[in-house]
Amino acid sequence: MNAIHRVGFIGLGAMGVPMAGHLQAKGLLAAVGNRTPAKAETLAAQLGVTAAMAPSDFAGCDAVVLCVSKDADVLQCCRDLAGILAAGALVIDHSTVARETALAAAALLAESGIAFLDAPVSGGVEGARNGKLSVMVGGEADVLARAQELLSAYALRVTRMGPTGAGQATKAVNQVLVAGIAQAVCEGLAFGEALGLDPESLVPTLAAGAAGNWFLDKRGATMMAGTYTPGFKSALLLKDLHIVQAMAEALGRRYSVVEQSLVDYGKLVDAGFGEEDTSALIRLKRGG
C-alpha cells in the first residue's frame, strides 16, 4: 500500500485555501493549483510550495485533492492527472457533483491504475478554517485507510458511506437539510422582525432552545444585520440543488423543500445576489 507523503491541491476557493493550509501544516502539501494562476502563485509563495501552472507540476505527488465547483472541472482534472500521476496514486474529490460524475472520474483514473475517492465535505468555511469538516466518502475501504492521515488534517469526522458515488449521494441528502434549515431560519427570523422583536435578544434565545441549529448560530446575527458574507454562496447551493433534483427525479420523487429552494435561490441569483451567503434568503422572506 503506497504511503502518502506529497499532496497536490487544486481549487483555492474559500474552502480550498484553509484546507491546503492545514495540509501544509502537516508537512504534506507539495503543490497548489487554481483556475486563476495568480491565486495559486500567491498561496504557493505564502506556504512555500510549488505553484502548479500545468498538470505536469503535480508529477511526483502521491495524492491530489480536488475542491472545484463544476462537474466538468472534476472530469477535466481527472483526465489531466491520469496522464501525469503514477500508478498507485490517489485522487480525492471534495467537490459537490453528480453521483454519475464520481463514477465516471473513478473509471477514468482506474484505467491508469490511480485510485479515487468521492469525498464531499460539510461544515462551511468555518469548518475548513478550524479543521473540523465532516467528510462523507465513497470508495474502497483500503483506499480510505491510505487517505486517513491526509483527511485528518482538516476533518473532524471522516465516514465511509459506501462504494464510489455514495459520498455524493450523502452530500445530496445533506443539501436537502441545508436548504430546509435555511428556509425555516430565514422565514422565522423575518417573522420575528415583522413582529417587532429585538434581534439581539431573539437569536440567542432561539439558539438556546429546541430551535437551535448550526445555521442559526453561525448566520442568525449576521443576516439580521444585513450582512451576507460567505460562508457558502447562494449560487453554489442553487447548483447543488439542481443535482439533488435530478437525483430525486430519477427515483420518481419530488421534494417540496428542494422545489421551493430552487425557486427562491434562483430568484436571488437572478437578482445579482448569487455571490452572497445562503442566509441572503432572508431578503425574500422580508419582502413577504
C-alpha atoms as a PDB file:
ATOM      1  CA  MET A   1       0.000   0.000   0.000  1.00  0.00           C
ATOM      2  CA  ASN A   2       1.557   3.270  -1.136  1.00  0.00           C
ATOM      3  CA  ALA A   3       2.147   5.814   1.621  1.00  0.00           C
ATOM      4  CA  ILE A   4       1.150   9.442   1.047  1.00  0.00           C
ATOM      5  CA  HIS A   5       3.939  11.966   1.572  1.00  0.00           C
ATOM      6  CA  ARG A   6       3.407  14.542  -1.210  1.00  0.00           C
ATOM      7  CA  VAL A   7      -0.045  16.040  -1.817  1.00  0.00           C
ATOM      8  CA  GLY A   8      -1.249  18.399  -4.523  1.00  0.00           C
ATOM      9  CA  PHE A   9      -4.317  20.590  -4.084  1.00  0.00           C
ATOM     10  CA  ILE A  10      -6.480  22.007  -6.890  1.00  0.00           C
ATOM     11  CA  GLY A  11      -9.191  24.606  -6.218  1.00  0.00           C
ATOM     12  CA  LEU A  12      -8.292  27.525  -3.979  1.00  0.00           C
ATOM     13  CA  GLY A  13     -11.661  28.997  -3.119  1.00  0.00           C
ATOM     14  CA  ALA A  14     -12.989  29.921   0.305  1.00  0.00           C
ATOM     15  CA  MET A  15     -12.805  26.271   1.400  1.00  0.00           C
ATOM     16  CA  GLY A  16      -9.717  25.194  -0.510  1.00  0.00           C
ATOM     17  CA  VAL A  17      -7.297  27.805   0.829  1.00  0.00           C
ATOM     18  CA  PRO A  18      -7.621  26.847   4.508  1.00  0.00           C
ATOM     19  CA  MET A  19      -7.722  23.124   3.663  1.00  0.00           C
ATOM     20  CA  ALA A  20      -4.457  23.460   1.741  1.00  0.00           C
ATOM     21  CA  GLY A  21      -3.031  25.368   4.682  1.00  0.00           C
ATOM     22  CA  HIS A  22      -3.814  22.503   7.050  1.00  0.00           C
ATOM     23  CA  LEU A  23      -2.038  20.068   4.727  1.00  0.00           C
ATOM     24  CA  GLN A  24       0.999  22.347   4.662  1.00  0.00           C
ATOM     25  CA  ALA A  25       0.986  22.458   8.472  1.00  0.00           C
ATOM     26  CA  LYS A  26       1.156  18.650   8.479  1.00  0.00           C
ATOM     27  CA  GLY A  27       4.114  18.744   6.102  1.00  0.00           C
ATOM     28  CA  LEU A  28       2.159  17.035   3.313  1.00  0.00           C
ATOM     29  CA  LEU A  29       1.488  19.801   0.785  1.00  0.00           C
ATOM     30  CA  ALA A  30       3.726  19.855  -2.299  1.00  0.00           C
ATOM     31  CA  ALA A  31       1.847  21.913  -4.909  1.00  0.00           C
ATOM     32  CA  VAL A  32      -1.276  24.031  -5.348  1.00  0.00           C
ATOM     33  CA  GLY A  33      -3.213  24.841  -8.498  1.00  0.00           C
ATOM     34  CA  ASN A  34      -6.173  27.010  -9.404  1.00  0.00           C
ATOM     35  CA  ARG A  35      -8.108  28.129 -12.460  1.00  0.00           C
ATOM     36  CA  THR A  36      -6.738  31.629 -11.771  1.00  0.00           C
ATOM     37  CA  PRO A  37      -2.944  31.097 -11.813  1.00  0.00           C
ATOM     38  CA  ALA A  38      -2.204  34.257  -9.809  1.00  0.00           C
ATOM     39  CA  LYS A  39      -4.123  32.853  -6.852  1.00  0.00           C
ATOM     40  CA  ALA A  40      -2.039  29.677  -6.923  1.00  0.00           C
ATOM     41  CA  GLU A  41       1.175  31.702  -7.162  1.00  0.00           C
ATOM     42  CA  THR A  42       0.215  33.878  -4.190  1.00  0.00           C
ATOM     43  CA  LEU A  43      -0.726  30.961  -1.940  1.00  0.00           C
ATOM     44  CA  ALA A  44       2.259  28.891  -3.038  1.00  0.00           C
ATOM     45  CA  ALA A  45       4.579  31.725  -2.051  1.00  0.00           C
ATOM     46  CA  GLN A  46       2.888  32.028   1.333  1.00  0.00           C
ATOM     47  CA  LEU A  47       3.088  28.287   2.039  1.00  0.00           C
ATOM     48  CA  GLY A  48       6.456  27.577   0.462  1.00  0.00           C
ATOM     49  CA  VAL A  49       5.205  25.050  -2.080  1.00  0.00           C
ATOM     50  CA  THR A  50       5.068  24.781  -5.883  1.00  0.00           C
ATOM     51  CA  ALA A  51       2.526  26.814  -7.836  1.00  0.00           C
ATOM     52  CA  ALA A  52       1.178  24.359 -10.422  1.00  0.00           C
ATOM     53  CA  MET A  53       0.846  26.123 -13.758  1.00  0.00           C
ATOM     54  CA  ALA A  54       0.296  22.854 -15.677  1.00  0.00           C
ATOM     55  CA  PRO A  55      -0.844  19.312 -14.793  1.00  0.00           C
ATOM     56  CA  SER A  56       2.762  18.138 -15.079  1.00  0.00           C
ATOM     57  CA  ASP A  57       3.574  20.169 -11.948  1.00  0.00           C
ATOM     58  CA  PHE A  58       1.714  17.508  -9.953  1.00  0.00           C
ATOM     59  CA  ALA A  59       4.030  14.749 -11.167  1.00  0.00           C
ATOM     60  CA  GLY A  60       5.542  13.015  -8.175  1.00  0.00           C
ATOM     61  CA  CYS A  61       2.522  13.628  -5.944  1.00  0.00           C
ATOM     62  CA  ASP A  62       1.209  10.580  -4.110  1.00  0.00           C
ATOM     63  CA  ALA A  63      -2.243  12.159  -3.928  1.00  0.00           C
ATOM     64  CA  VAL A  64      -4.055  15.135  -5.431  1.00  0.00           C
ATOM     65  CA  VAL A  65      -7.061  16.732  -3.748  1.00  0.00           C
ATOM     66  CA  LEU A  66      -9.759  18.476  -5.799  1.00  0.00           C
ATOM     67  CA  CYS A  67     -12.062  21.179  -4.445  1.00  0.00           C
ATOM     68  CA  VAL A  68     -13.626  22.742  -7.533  1.00  0.00           C
ATOM     69  CA  SER A  69     -17.119  23.935  -8.468  1.00  0.00           C
ATOM     70  CA  LYS A  70     -18.280  22.103 -11.580  1.00  0.00           C
ATOM     71  CA  ASP A  71     -18.697  18.521 -12.756  1.00  0.00           C
ATOM     72  CA  ALA A  72     -16.833  19.353 -15.962  1.00  0.00           C
ATOM     73  CA  ASP A  73     -13.892  20.692 -13.943  1.00  0.00           C
ATOM     74  CA  VAL A  74     -13.660  17.488 -11.910  1.00  0.00           C
ATOM     75  CA  LEU A  75     -13.599  15.352 -15.045  1.00  0.00           C
ATOM     76  CA  GLN A  76     -11.044  17.570 -16.762  1.00  0.00           C
ATOM     77  CA  CYS A  77      -8.769  17.482 -13.727  1.00  0.00           C
ATOM     78  CA  CYS A  78      -9.010  13.694 -13.655  1.00  0.00           C
ATOM     79  CA  ARG A  79      -8.217  13.446 -17.376  1.00  0.00           C
ATOM     80  CA  ASP A  80      -5.176  15.651 -16.872  1.00  0.00           C
ATOM     81  CA  LEU A  81      -3.977  13.780 -13.797  1.00  0.00           C
ATOM     82  CA  ALA A  82      -4.484  10.354 -15.373  1.00  0.00           C
ATOM     83  CA  GLY A  83      -1.618  11.111 -17.728  1.00  0.00           C
ATOM     84  CA  ILE A  84       0.636  12.535 -15.030  1.00  0.00           C
ATOM     85  CA  LEU A  85       0.320  10.610 -11.759  1.00  0.00           C
ATOM     86  CA  ALA A  86       1.997   7.266 -11.256  1.00  0.00           C
ATOM     87  CA  ALA A  87       0.038   4.059 -10.895  1.00  0.00           C
ATOM     88  CA  GLY A  88      -0.909   3.657  -7.241  1.00  0.00           C
ATOM     89  CA  ALA A  89      -1.503   7.369  -6.717  1.00  0.00           C
ATOM     90  CA  LEU A  90      -4.788   8.688  -5.353  1.00  0.00           C
ATOM     91  CA  VAL A  91      -7.215  11.449  -6.311  1.00  0.00           C
ATOM     92  CA  ILE A  92      -9.636  12.714  -3.654  1.00  0.00           C
ATOM     93  CA  ASP A  93     -12.535  14.874  -4.806  1.00  0.00           C
ATOM     94  CA  HIS A  94     -14.113  17.206  -2.240  1.00  0.00           C
ATOM     95  CA  SER A  95     -16.310  18.918  -4.835  1.00  0.00           C
ATOM     96  CA  THR A  96     -20.094  18.566  -4.829  1.00  0.00           C
ATOM     97  CA  VAL A  97     -21.037  16.941  -8.126  1.00  0.00           C
ATOM     98  CA  ALA A  98     -23.432  14.347  -9.521  1.00  0.00           C
ATOM     99  CA  ARG A  99     -23.002  10.746  -8.437  1.00  0.00           C
ATOM    100  CA  GLU A 100     -22.553   9.829 -12.110  1.00  0.00           C
ATOM    101  CA  THR A 101     -19.621  12.245 -12.314  1.00  0.00           C
ATOM    102  CA  ALA A 102     -17.912  10.493  -9.410  1.00  0.00           C
ATOM    103  CA  LEU A 103     -18.378   7.125 -11.111  1.00  0.00           C
ATOM    104  CA  ALA A 104     -17.006   8.477 -14.394  1.00  0.00           C
ATOM    105  CA  ALA A 105     -13.989  10.026 -12.662  1.00  0.00           C
ATOM    106  CA  ALA A 106     -13.207   6.779 -10.840  1.00  0.00           C
ATOM    107  CA  ALA A 107     -13.434   4.756 -14.061  1.00  0.00           C
ATOM    108  CA  LEU A 108     -11.238   7.206 -15.951  1.00  0.00           C
ATOM    109  CA  LEU A 109      -8.498   7.135 -13.320  1.00  0.00           C
ATOM    110  CA  ALA A 110      -8.698   3.364 -12.857  1.00  0.00           C
ATOM    111  CA  GLU A 111      -7.510   2.913 -16.435  1.00  0.00           C
ATOM    112  CA  SER A 112      -4.171   4.366 -15.290  1.00  0.00           C
ATOM    113  CA  GLY A 113      -4.101   2.453 -12.001  1.00  0.00           C
ATOM    114  CA  ILE A 114      -5.000   5.540  -9.964  1.00  0.00           C
ATOM    115  CA  ALA A 115      -7.412   5.234  -7.033  1.00  0.00           C
ATOM    116  CA  PHE A 116     -10.296   7.643  -6.417  1.00  0.00           C
ATOM    117  CA  LEU A 117     -12.444   8.746  -3.508  1.00  0.00           C
ATOM    118  CA  ASP A 118     -15.536  10.921  -3.867  1.00  0.00           C
ATOM    119  CA  ALA A 119     -15.427  12.793  -0.598  1.00  0.00           C
ATOM    120  CA  PRO A 120     -17.648  15.888  -0.427  1.00  0.00           C
ATOM    121  CA  VAL A 121     -17.446  17.928   2.746  1.00  0.00           C
ATOM    122  CA  SER A 122     -19.784  19.814   5.045  1.00  0.00           C
ATOM    123  CA  GLY A 123     -19.066  22.370   7.731  1.00  0.00           C
ATOM    124  CA  GLY A 124     -18.711  25.595   5.796  1.00  0.00           C
ATOM    125  CA  VAL A 125     -15.802  27.981   5.698  1.00  0.00           C
ATOM    126  CA  GLU A 126     -15.632  27.889   9.493  1.00  0.00           C
ATOM    127  CA  GLY A 127     -15.170  24.129   9.433  1.00  0.00           C
ATOM    128  CA  ALA A 128     -12.436  24.409   6.816  1.00  0.00           C
ATOM    129  CA  ARG A 129     -10.603  27.103   8.774  1.00  0.00           C
ATOM    130  CA  ASN A 130     -10.865  25.206  12.065  1.00  0.00           C
ATOM    131  CA  GLY A 131     -10.013  21.810  10.592  1.00  0.00           C
ATOM    132  CA  LYS A 132     -13.394  20.430  11.653  1.00  0.00           C
ATOM    133  CA  LEU A 133     -15.089  19.419   8.413  1.00  0.00           C
ATOM    134  CA  SER A 134     -17.303  16.370   8.078  1.00  0.00           C
ATOM    135  CA  VAL A 135     -16.218  14.241   5.114  1.00  0.00           C
ATOM    136  CA  MET A 136     -18.657  11.780   3.527  1.00  0.00           C
ATOM    137  CA  VAL A 137     -16.701   9.258   1.489  1.00  0.00           C
ATOM    138  CA  GLY A 138     -17.496   6.904  -1.364  1.00  0.00           C
ATOM    139  CA  GLY A 139     -14.833   4.369  -2.360  1.00  0.00           C
ATOM    140  CA  GLU A 140     -12.933   1.323  -1.227  1.00  0.00           C
ATOM    141  CA  ALA A 141     -12.183   0.945   2.486  1.00  0.00           C
ATOM    142  CA  ASP A 142      -8.478   0.228   1.925  1.00  0.00           C
ATOM    143  CA  VAL A 143      -8.114   3.366  -0.199  1.00  0.00           C
ATOM    144  CA  LEU A 144      -9.750   5.457   2.519  1.00  0.00           C
ATOM    145  CA  ALA A 145      -7.379   3.934   5.076  1.00  0.00           C
ATOM    146  CA  ARG A 146      -4.462   5.252   2.980  1.00  0.00           C
ATOM    147  CA  ALA A 147      -6.012   8.725   2.949  1.00  0.00           C
ATOM    148  CA  GLN A 148      -6.936   8.893   6.618  1.00  0.00           C
ATOM    149  CA  GLU A 149      -3.926  10.920   7.790  1.00  0.00           C
ATOM    150  CA  LEU A 150      -4.331  13.348   4.899  1.00  0.00           C
ATOM    151  CA  LEU A 151      -8.028  13.877   5.597  1.00  0.00           C
ATOM    152  CA  SER A 152      -7.468  14.271   9.331  1.00  0.00           C
ATOM    153  CA  ALA A 153      -5.548  17.472   8.574  1.00  0.00           C
ATOM    154  CA  TYR A 154      -8.843  19.312   8.065  1.00  0.00           C
ATOM    155  CA  ALA A 155     -11.612  16.918   9.109  1.00  0.00           C
ATOM    156  CA  LEU A 156     -13.210  16.260  12.464  1.00  0.00           C
ATOM    157  CA  ARG A 157     -15.200  13.309  11.114  1.00  0.00           C
ATOM    158  CA  VAL A 158     -14.499  11.047   8.131  1.00  0.00           C
ATOM    159  CA  THR A 159     -17.111   8.410   7.309  1.00  0.00           C
ATOM    160  CA  ARG A 160     -17.121   5.830   4.549  1.00  0.00           C
ATOM    161  CA  MET A 161     -20.713   5.801   3.271  1.00  0.00           C
ATOM    162  CA  GLY A 162     -20.265   3.008   0.714  1.00  0.00           C
ATOM    163  CA  PRO A 163     -18.787   2.431  -2.746  1.00  0.00           C
ATOM    164  CA  THR A 164     -17.893   5.159  -5.218  1.00  0.00           C
ATOM    165  CA  GLY A 165     -20.788   7.604  -5.565  1.00  0.00           C
ATOM    166  CA  ALA A 166     -22.043   7.106  -2.009  1.00  0.00           C
ATOM    167  CA  GLY A 167     -20.233  10.240  -0.865  1.00  0.00           C
ATOM    168  CA  GLN A 168     -22.068  12.370  -3.414  1.00  0.00           C
ATOM    169  CA  ALA A 169     -25.372  10.678  -2.576  1.00  0.00           C
ATOM    170  CA  THR A 170     -24.846  11.572   1.088  1.00  0.00           C
ATOM    171  CA  LYS A 171     -23.959  15.153   0.183  1.00  0.00           C
ATOM    172  CA  ALA A 172     -27.223  15.391  -1.788  1.00  0.00           C
ATOM    173  CA  VAL A 173     -29.110  14.450   1.377  1.00  0.00           C
ATOM    174  CA  ASN A 174     -27.035  16.988   3.306  1.00  0.00           C
ATOM    175  CA  GLN A 175     -28.011  19.748   0.876  1.00  0.00           C
ATOM    176  CA  VAL A 176     -31.714  18.979   1.280  1.00  0.00           C
ATOM    177  CA  LEU A 177     -31.280  19.530   5.020  1.00  0.00           C
ATOM    178  CA  VAL A 178     -29.177  22.659   4.464  1.00  0.00           C
ATOM    179  CA  ALA A 179     -31.838  24.153   2.214  1.00  0.00           C
ATOM    180  CA  GLY A 180     -34.674  23.243   4.560  1.00  0.00           C
ATOM    181  CA  ILE A 181     -32.939  24.692   7.604  1.00  0.00           C
ATOM    182  CA  ALA A 182     -32.185  27.895   5.704  1.00  0.00           C
ATOM    183  CA  GLN A 183     -35.838  28.150   4.699  1.00  0.00           C
ATOM    184  CA  ALA A 184     -37.023  27.722   8.282  1.00  0.00           C
ATOM    185  CA  VAL A 185     -34.482  30.018   9.928  1.00  0.00           C
ATOM    186  CA  CYS A 186     -34.787  32.833   7.390  1.00  0.00           C
ATOM    187  CA  GLU A 187     -38.578  32.698   7.441  1.00  0.00           C
ATOM    188  CA  GLY A 188     -38.716  32.545  11.229  1.00  0.00           C
ATOM    189  CA  LEU A 189     -36.344  35.451  11.753  1.00  0.00           C
ATOM    190  CA  ALA A 190     -38.149  37.564   9.155  1.00  0.00           C
ATOM    191  CA  PHE A 191     -41.374  36.798  11.034  1.00  0.00           C
ATOM    192  CA  GLY A 192     -39.713  37.890  14.276  1.00  0.00           C
ATOM    193  CA  GLU A 193     -38.674  41.177  12.683  1.00  0.00           C
ATOM    194  CA  ALA A 194     -42.210  41.771  11.437  1.00  0.00           C
ATOM    195  CA  LEU A 195     -43.466  41.229  14.983  1.00  0.00           C
ATOM    196  CA  GLY A 196     -41.070  43.893  16.237  1.00  0.00           C
ATOM    197  CA  LEU A 197     -38.876  41.598  18.308  1.00  0.00           C
ATOM    198  CA  ASP A 198     -35.341  42.692  19.199  1.00  0.00           C
ATOM    199  CA  PRO A 199     -32.924  40.598  17.066  1.00  0.00           C
ATOM    200  CA  GLU A 200     -30.151  40.800  19.664  1.00  0.00           C
ATOM    201  CA  SER A 201     -32.427  39.014  22.112  1.00  0.00           C
ATOM    202  CA  LEU A 202     -34.302  36.862  19.618  1.00  0.00           C
ATOM    203  CA  VAL A 203     -31.388  34.994  18.022  1.00  0.00           C
ATOM    204  CA  PRO A 204     -29.606  33.771  21.186  1.00  0.00           C
ATOM    205  CA  THR A 205     -32.935  32.919  22.832  1.00  0.00           C
ATOM    206  CA  LEU A 206     -33.972  30.733  19.900  1.00  0.00           C
ATOM    207  CA  ALA A 207     -30.483  29.223  19.627  1.00  0.00           C
ATOM    208  CA  ALA A 208     -30.598  28.086  23.258  1.00  0.00           C
ATOM    209  CA  GLY A 209     -33.771  26.055  22.779  1.00  0.00           C
ATOM    210  CA  ALA A 210     -35.218  23.333  20.580  1.00  0.00           C
ATOM    211  CA  ALA A 211     -34.953  25.594  17.501  1.00  0.00           C
ATOM    212  CA  GLY A 212     -31.181  25.860  17.874  1.00  0.00           C
ATOM    213  CA  ASN A 213     -29.030  24.742  14.934  1.00  0.00           C
ATOM    214  CA  TRP A 214     -25.694  25.467  13.229  1.00  0.00           C
ATOM    215  CA  PHE A 215     -27.160  27.862  10.658  1.00  0.00           C
ATOM    216  CA  LEU A 216     -28.982  29.950  13.266  1.00  0.00           C
ATOM    217  CA  ASP A 217     -25.898  30.033  15.467  1.00  0.00           C
ATOM    218  CA  LYS A 218     -23.452  30.979  12.686  1.00  0.00           C
ATOM    219  CA  ARG A 219     -25.678  33.138  10.459  1.00  0.00           C
ATOM    220  CA  GLY A 220     -28.535  34.417  12.619  1.00  0.00           C
ATOM    221  CA  ALA A 221     -26.923  37.606  13.888  1.00  0.00           C
ATOM    222  CA  THR A 222     -25.228  38.456  10.594  1.00  0.00           C
ATOM    223  CA  MET A 223     -28.344  38.052   8.456  1.00  0.00           C
ATOM    224  CA  MET A 224     -30.372  40.146  10.896  1.00  0.00           C
ATOM    225  CA  ALA A 225     -27.708  42.851  10.489  1.00  0.00           C
ATOM    226  CA  GLY A 226     -27.961  42.609   6.692  1.00  0.00           C
ATOM    227  CA  THR A 227     -24.503  41.060   6.236  1.00  0.00           C
ATOM    228  CA  TYR A 228     -24.219  38.105   3.846  1.00  0.00           C
ATOM    229  CA  THR A 229     -20.520  37.351   3.525  1.00  0.00           C
ATOM    230  CA  PRO A 230     -19.916  33.713   2.500  1.00  0.00           C
ATOM    231  CA  GLY A 231     -19.948  31.214   4.088  1.00  0.00           C
ATOM    232  CA  PHE A 232     -21.494  29.193   1.347  1.00  0.00           C
ATOM    233  CA  LYS A 233     -22.566  31.072  -1.752  1.00  0.00           C
ATOM    234  CA  SER A 234     -26.210  31.080  -2.786  1.00  0.00           C
ATOM    235  CA  ALA A 235     -25.239  30.304  -6.381  1.00  0.00           C
ATOM    236  CA  LEU A 236     -23.414  27.169  -5.258  1.00  0.00           C
ATOM    237  CA  LEU A 237     -26.387  25.935  -3.241  1.00  0.00           C
ATOM    238  CA  LEU A 238     -28.579  26.502  -6.287  1.00  0.00           C
ATOM    239  CA  LYS A 239     -26.152  24.416  -8.370  1.00  0.00           C
ATOM    240  CA  ASP A 240     -26.199  21.649  -5.751  1.00  0.00           C
ATOM    241  CA  LEU A 241     -29.998  21.653  -5.571  1.00  0.00           C
ATOM    242  CA  HIS A 242     -30.222  21.076  -9.317  1.00  0.00           C
ATOM    243  CA  ILE A 243     -28.099  17.958  -8.758  1.00  0.00           C
ATOM    244  CA  VAL A 244     -30.433  16.893  -5.936  1.00  0.00           C
ATOM    245  CA  GLN A 245     -33.495  17.492  -8.093  1.00  0.00           C
ATOM    246  CA  ALA A 246     -32.100  15.312 -10.888  1.00  0.00           C
ATOM    247  CA  MET A 247     -31.342  12.505  -8.432  1.00  0.00           C
ATOM    248  CA  ALA A 248     -34.844  12.734  -6.960  1.00  0.00           C
ATOM    249  CA  GLU A 249     -36.474  12.730 -10.386  1.00  0.00           C
ATOM    250  CA  ALA A 250     -34.516   9.592 -11.296  1.00  0.00           C
ATOM    251  CA  LEU A 251     -36.259   7.945  -8.335  1.00  0.00           C
ATOM    252  CA  GLY A 252     -39.644   9.305  -9.405  1.00  0.00           C
ATOM    253  CA  ARG A 253     -39.784  11.633  -6.414  1.00  0.00           C
ATOM    254  CA  ARG A 254     -40.255  15.345  -5.776  1.00  0.00           C
ATOM    255  CA  TYR A 255     -39.457  17.118  -2.528  1.00  0.00           C
ATOM    256  CA  SER A 256     -41.132  20.372  -1.563  1.00  0.00           C
ATOM    257  CA  VAL A 257     -38.080  21.816   0.213  1.00  0.00           C
ATOM    258  CA  VAL A 258     -35.957  21.243  -2.879  1.00  0.00           C
ATOM    259  CA  GLU A 259     -38.548  22.671  -5.276  1.00  0.00           C
ATOM    260  CA  GLN A 260     -39.175  25.805  -3.185  1.00  0.00           C
ATOM    261  CA  SER A 261     -35.479  26.381  -2.605  1.00  0.00           C
ATOM    262  CA  LEU A 262     -34.749  26.096  -6.326  1.00  0.00           C
ATOM    263  CA  VAL A 263     -37.293  28.843  -6.944  1.00  0.00           C
ATOM    264  CA  ASP A 264     -36.058  31.060  -4.135  1.00  0.00           C
ATOM    265  CA  TYR A 265     -32.323  30.751  -4.745  1.00  0.00           C
ATOM    266  CA  GLY A 266     -32.979  31.128  -8.459  1.00  0.00           C
ATOM    267  CA  LYS A 267     -34.574  34.491  -7.688  1.00  0.00           C
ATOM    268  CA  LEU A 268     -31.593  35.531  -5.577  1.00  0.00           C
ATOM    269  CA  VAL A 269     -29.122  34.605  -8.300  1.00  0.00           C
ATOM    270  CA  ASP A 270     -31.192  36.356 -10.970  1.00  0.00           C
ATOM    271  CA  ALA A 271     -31.273  39.470  -8.773  1.00  0.00           C
ATOM    272  CA  GLY A 272     -27.485  39.525  -8.548  1.00  0.00           C
ATOM    273  CA  PHE A 273     -27.096  38.040  -5.064  1.00  0.00           C
ATOM    274  CA  GLY A 274     -25.568  34.708  -6.072  1.00  0.00           C
ATOM    275  CA  GLU A 275     -22.179  35.542  -4.543  1.00  0.00           C
ATOM    276  CA  GLU A 276     -23.768  36.215  -1.157  1.00  0.00           C
ATOM    277  CA  ASP A 277     -24.094  33.658   1.620  1.00  0.00           C
ATOM    278  CA  THR A 278     -27.136  31.361   1.618  1.00  0.00           C
ATOM    279  CA  SER A 279     -28.509  33.419   4.517  1.00  0.00           C
ATOM    280  CA  ALA A 280     -29.321  36.087   1.912  1.00  0.00           C
ATOM    281  CA  LEU A 281     -32.552  34.101   1.528  1.00  0.00           C
ATOM    282  CA  ILE A 282     -33.937  36.346   4.261  1.00  0.00           C
ATOM    283  CA  ARG A 283     -34.097  39.105   1.621  1.00  0.00           C
ATOM    284  CA  LEU A 284     -37.022  37.262   0.044  1.00  0.00           C
ATOM    285  CA  LYS A 285     -38.644  36.389   3.359  1.00  0.00           C
ATOM    286  CA  ARG A 286     -38.602  40.036   4.409  1.00  0.00           C
ATOM    287  CA  GLY A 287     -40.347  41.006   1.202  1.00  0.00           C
ATOM    288  CA  GLY A 288     -43.375  38.907   2.064  1.00  0.00           C
END
